Amino acid sequence: MRLSHSFVYQLNKGFTLIETIVGIVVLSLSFSILTTLIYPLSEQSADQLHQIKAAELAQSVLNEIQHKAFDENSDMAGGLVRCGEAGADDCSTVMAAETGETRATYDDVDDYNSLPAGEVKDSQGQTLNLYTGYSMSISVCNDANYDGSCTGNTSTAKLITVTITTPTGFVLNFSTYRANF
């Protein structure tokens, strides 16, 4: 019995071993190109999450600092008399915590200027596990003319800057002023 030409043609349809190997190589190359394009995007999305956490942390610390007295020589009970005014003590020139103070006992804004840079801790000195890998530094300086230059009258305003570094090395600065009132 003789097979027809069309039947023989149908039996020979399919992929050869070489065609299959070439297909696998092309597919693996396209996947590797896609992976190199997608990986930086995933890293950028992680940066955004770190930035949000850094902003939350900075806001929390700035709130803590803003609720303290303007100066060591300010009226701690509510400011009937401000330091530097007639009949009141001059404002302190010490921009650090007073001897023996810890973060738990900080009572004025400039005490935070001496807060050691490094890992993030709460006001009781406990490491905050939520911010593992983050670091924080705080600077406080006198800025009477609100220009960021940290010079001038000690009794008008203080510039508070909180710098947060994320685990990926992104540095964010957050600043606010605390006025003497």
Protein backbone atom coordinates (compact mmCIF):
# COMPACT_ATOMS: atom_id res chain seq x y z
CA MET A 1 0.00 0.00 0.00
CA ARG A 2 1.25 3.31 -0.92
CA LEU A 3 0.86 6.37 1.34
CA SER A 4 -0.29 9.51 -0.22
CA HIS A 5 1.99 12.49 -0.33
CA SER A 6 -0.29 14.57 1.98
CA PHE A 7 -0.27 11.90 4.68
CA VAL A 8 3.55 11.74 4.72
CA TYR A 9 3.69 15.53 4.98
CA GLN A 10 1.43 15.44 8.04
CA LEU A 11 3.64 12.91 9.83
CA ASN A 12 6.71 15.15 9.47
CA LYS A 13 5.11 18.20 11.12
CA GLY A 14 6.63 19.37 14.46
CA PHE A 15 9.73 20.96 15.94
CA THR A 16 13.20 19.63 15.56
CA LEU A 17 15.57 19.45 18.50
CA ILE A 18 17.54 22.44 17.19
CA GLU A 19 14.40 24.54 16.80
CA THR A 20 13.38 23.70 20.39
CA ILE A 21 16.81 24.66 21.77
CA VAL A 22 16.80 27.94 19.82
CA GLY A 23 13.32 28.69 21.18
CA ILE A 24 14.47 28.06 24.77
CA VAL A 25 17.51 30.34 24.30
CA VAL A 26 15.38 33.16 22.86
CA LEU A 27 12.86 32.78 25.68
CA SER A 28 15.56 32.84 28.37
CA LEU A 29 17.15 35.95 26.82
CA SER A 30 13.82 37.76 26.77
CA PHE A 31 13.17 36.82 30.42
CA SER A 32 16.60 38.06 31.49
CA ILE A 33 16.00 41.40 29.72
CA LEU A 34 12.58 41.72 31.36
CA THR A 35 14.06 40.95 34.77
CA THR A 36 16.75 43.63 34.43
CA LEU A 37 14.07 46.16 33.48
CA ILE A 38 11.67 45.24 36.30
CA TYR A 39 14.18 44.92 39.20
CA PRO A 40 15.00 48.68 39.43
CA LEU A 41 11.28 49.44 39.54
CA SER A 42 10.79 47.14 42.52
CA GLU A 43 13.71 48.84 44.28
CA GLN A 44 12.14 52.25 43.64
CA SER A 45 8.85 51.11 45.13
CA ALA A 46 10.73 50.01 48.27
CA ASP A 47 12.32 53.48 48.44
CA GLN A 48 8.87 55.03 48.51
CA LEU A 49 7.84 52.86 51.45
CA HIS A 50 11.04 53.77 53.29
CA GLN A 51 10.41 57.47 52.63
CA ILE A 52 6.89 57.22 54.04
CA LYS A 53 8.18 55.51 57.19
CA ALA A 54 10.92 58.14 57.48
CA ALA A 55 8.34 60.93 57.22
CA GLU A 56 6.20 59.30 59.91
CA LEU A 57 9.21 58.94 62.20
CA ALA A 58 10.36 62.53 61.64
CA GLN A 59 6.86 63.89 62.29
CA SER A 60 6.67 61.95 65.53
CA VAL A 61 10.04 63.25 66.73
CA LEU A 62 9.24 66.83 65.67
CA ASN A 63 5.96 66.64 67.61
CA GLU A 64 7.84 65.44 70.68
CA ILE A 65 10.32 68.32 70.42
CA GLN A 66 7.69 70.99 69.68
CA HIS A 67 5.89 70.16 72.93
CA LYS A 68 8.91 71.11 75.03
CA ALA A 69 9.71 74.57 76.41
CA PHE A 70 11.56 77.00 74.16
CA ASP A 71 14.54 77.32 76.48
CA GLU A 72 15.90 76.12 79.82
CA ASN A 73 15.23 79.60 81.23
CA SER A 74 11.68 79.85 79.85
CA ASP A 75 8.68 79.66 82.09
CA MET A 76 7.90 75.92 81.89
CA ALA A 77 4.32 76.40 83.09
CA GLY A 78 2.98 78.14 80.04
CA GLY A 79 5.02 81.15 79.14
CA LEU A 80 3.80 84.11 81.18
CA VAL A 81 7.36 85.37 81.00
CA ARG A 82 9.61 84.50 78.09
CA CYS A 83 13.35 84.22 78.40
CA GLY A 84 15.07 87.32 77.10
CA GLU A 85 12.22 89.67 78.09
CA ALA A 86 12.52 92.43 80.64
CA GLY A 87 12.20 90.97 84.12
CA ALA A 88 13.13 87.46 82.96
CA ASP A 89 16.36 85.52 82.74
CA ASP A 90 18.36 85.68 79.53
CA CYS A 91 17.91 82.72 77.23
CA SER A 92 20.42 79.93 77.67
CA THR A 93 23.36 79.80 75.30
CA VAL A 94 23.87 76.06 75.86
CA MET A 95 22.56 74.16 72.85
CA ALA A 96 22.65 70.71 74.45
CA ALA A 97 21.15 68.75 77.29
CA GLU A 98 22.01 69.98 80.73
CA THR A 99 24.28 67.83 82.90
CA GLY A 100 22.56 64.65 84.01
CA GLU A 101 19.63 64.89 81.59
CA THR A 102 18.58 61.99 79.43
CA ARG A 103 16.03 61.98 76.65
CA ALA A 104 13.37 60.94 79.13
CA THR A 105 14.02 64.12 81.15
CA TYR A 106 14.59 66.60 78.30
CA ASP A 107 12.54 69.69 79.14
CA ASP A 108 13.42 72.18 76.42
CA VAL A 109 13.96 72.22 72.67
CA ASP A 110 17.73 72.64 72.59
CA ASP A 111 18.28 69.53 74.74
CA TYR A 112 17.66 67.49 71.57
CA ASN A 113 20.70 69.02 69.87
CA SER A 114 22.88 66.62 71.83
CA LEU A 115 20.82 63.53 71.03
CA PRO A 116 23.35 60.98 69.79
CA ALA A 117 22.97 60.13 66.11
CA GLY A 118 22.37 56.50 65.30
CA GLU A 119 19.66 53.93 65.60
CA VAL A 120 16.13 55.06 66.31
CA LYS A 121 15.03 54.92 69.94
CA ASP A 122 11.94 56.13 71.77
CA SER A 123 11.97 58.75 74.52
CA GLN A 124 12.70 56.03 77.11
CA GLY A 125 15.80 54.84 75.24
CA GLN A 126 14.28 51.64 73.86
CA THR A 127 15.16 50.68 70.28
CA LEU A 128 12.15 50.88 67.98
CA ASN A 129 12.08 47.60 66.03
CA LEU A 130 9.71 49.13 63.47
CA TYR A 131 12.61 51.32 62.31
CA THR A 132 15.40 48.75 62.15
CA GLY A 133 17.99 49.94 59.65
CA TYR A 134 16.99 53.60 59.93
CA SER A 135 19.20 56.19 61.58
CA MET A 136 18.29 59.61 62.92
CA SER A 137 20.15 62.78 63.85
CA ILE A 138 18.78 66.03 65.26
CA SER A 139 20.20 69.53 65.22
CA VAL A 140 18.82 72.59 66.97
CA CYS A 141 20.21 76.09 66.46
CA ASN A 142 19.25 79.73 66.98
CA ASP A 143 17.81 81.32 63.85
CA ALA A 144 16.34 84.72 64.65
CA ASN A 145 15.73 85.76 61.04
CA TYR A 146 14.27 82.43 59.81
CA ASP A 147 16.74 82.04 56.96
CA GLY A 148 18.25 78.70 57.95
CA SER A 149 21.65 80.25 58.70
CA CYS A 150 21.63 79.45 62.43
CA THR A 151 22.94 82.81 63.56
CA GLY A 152 21.45 85.66 65.46
CA ASN A 153 19.45 86.39 68.57
CA THR A 154 19.07 83.52 71.02
CA SER A 155 15.67 84.65 72.25
CA THR A 156 13.59 84.68 69.08
CA ALA A 157 13.47 81.31 67.28
CA LYS A 158 15.16 77.93 67.06
CA LEU A 159 15.50 75.88 63.90
CA ILE A 160 14.98 72.16 64.52
CA THR A 161 16.20 69.77 61.83
CA VAL A 162 15.62 66.02 61.96
CA THR A 163 17.61 63.96 59.46
CA ILE A 164 16.46 60.40 58.76
CA THR A 165 18.53 57.94 56.74
CA THR A 166 16.59 54.97 55.34
CA PRO A 167 18.00 51.42 55.12
CA THR A 168 18.67 52.01 51.41
CA GLY A 169 20.79 55.10 52.19
CA PHE A 170 18.23 57.73 51.19
CA VAL A 171 18.63 60.85 53.37
CA LEU A 172 15.61 63.01 54.23
CA ASN A 173 15.72 66.28 56.17
CA PHE A 174 12.71 67.65 58.02
CA SER A 175 12.81 71.10 59.60
CA THR A 176 10.58 73.31 61.68
CA TYR A 177 10.89 76.37 63.87
CA ARG A 178 10.07 76.79 67.54
CA ALA A 179 9.40 80.41 68.42
CA ASN A 180 9.77 81.93 71.87
CA PHE A 181 6.17 82.24 73.04
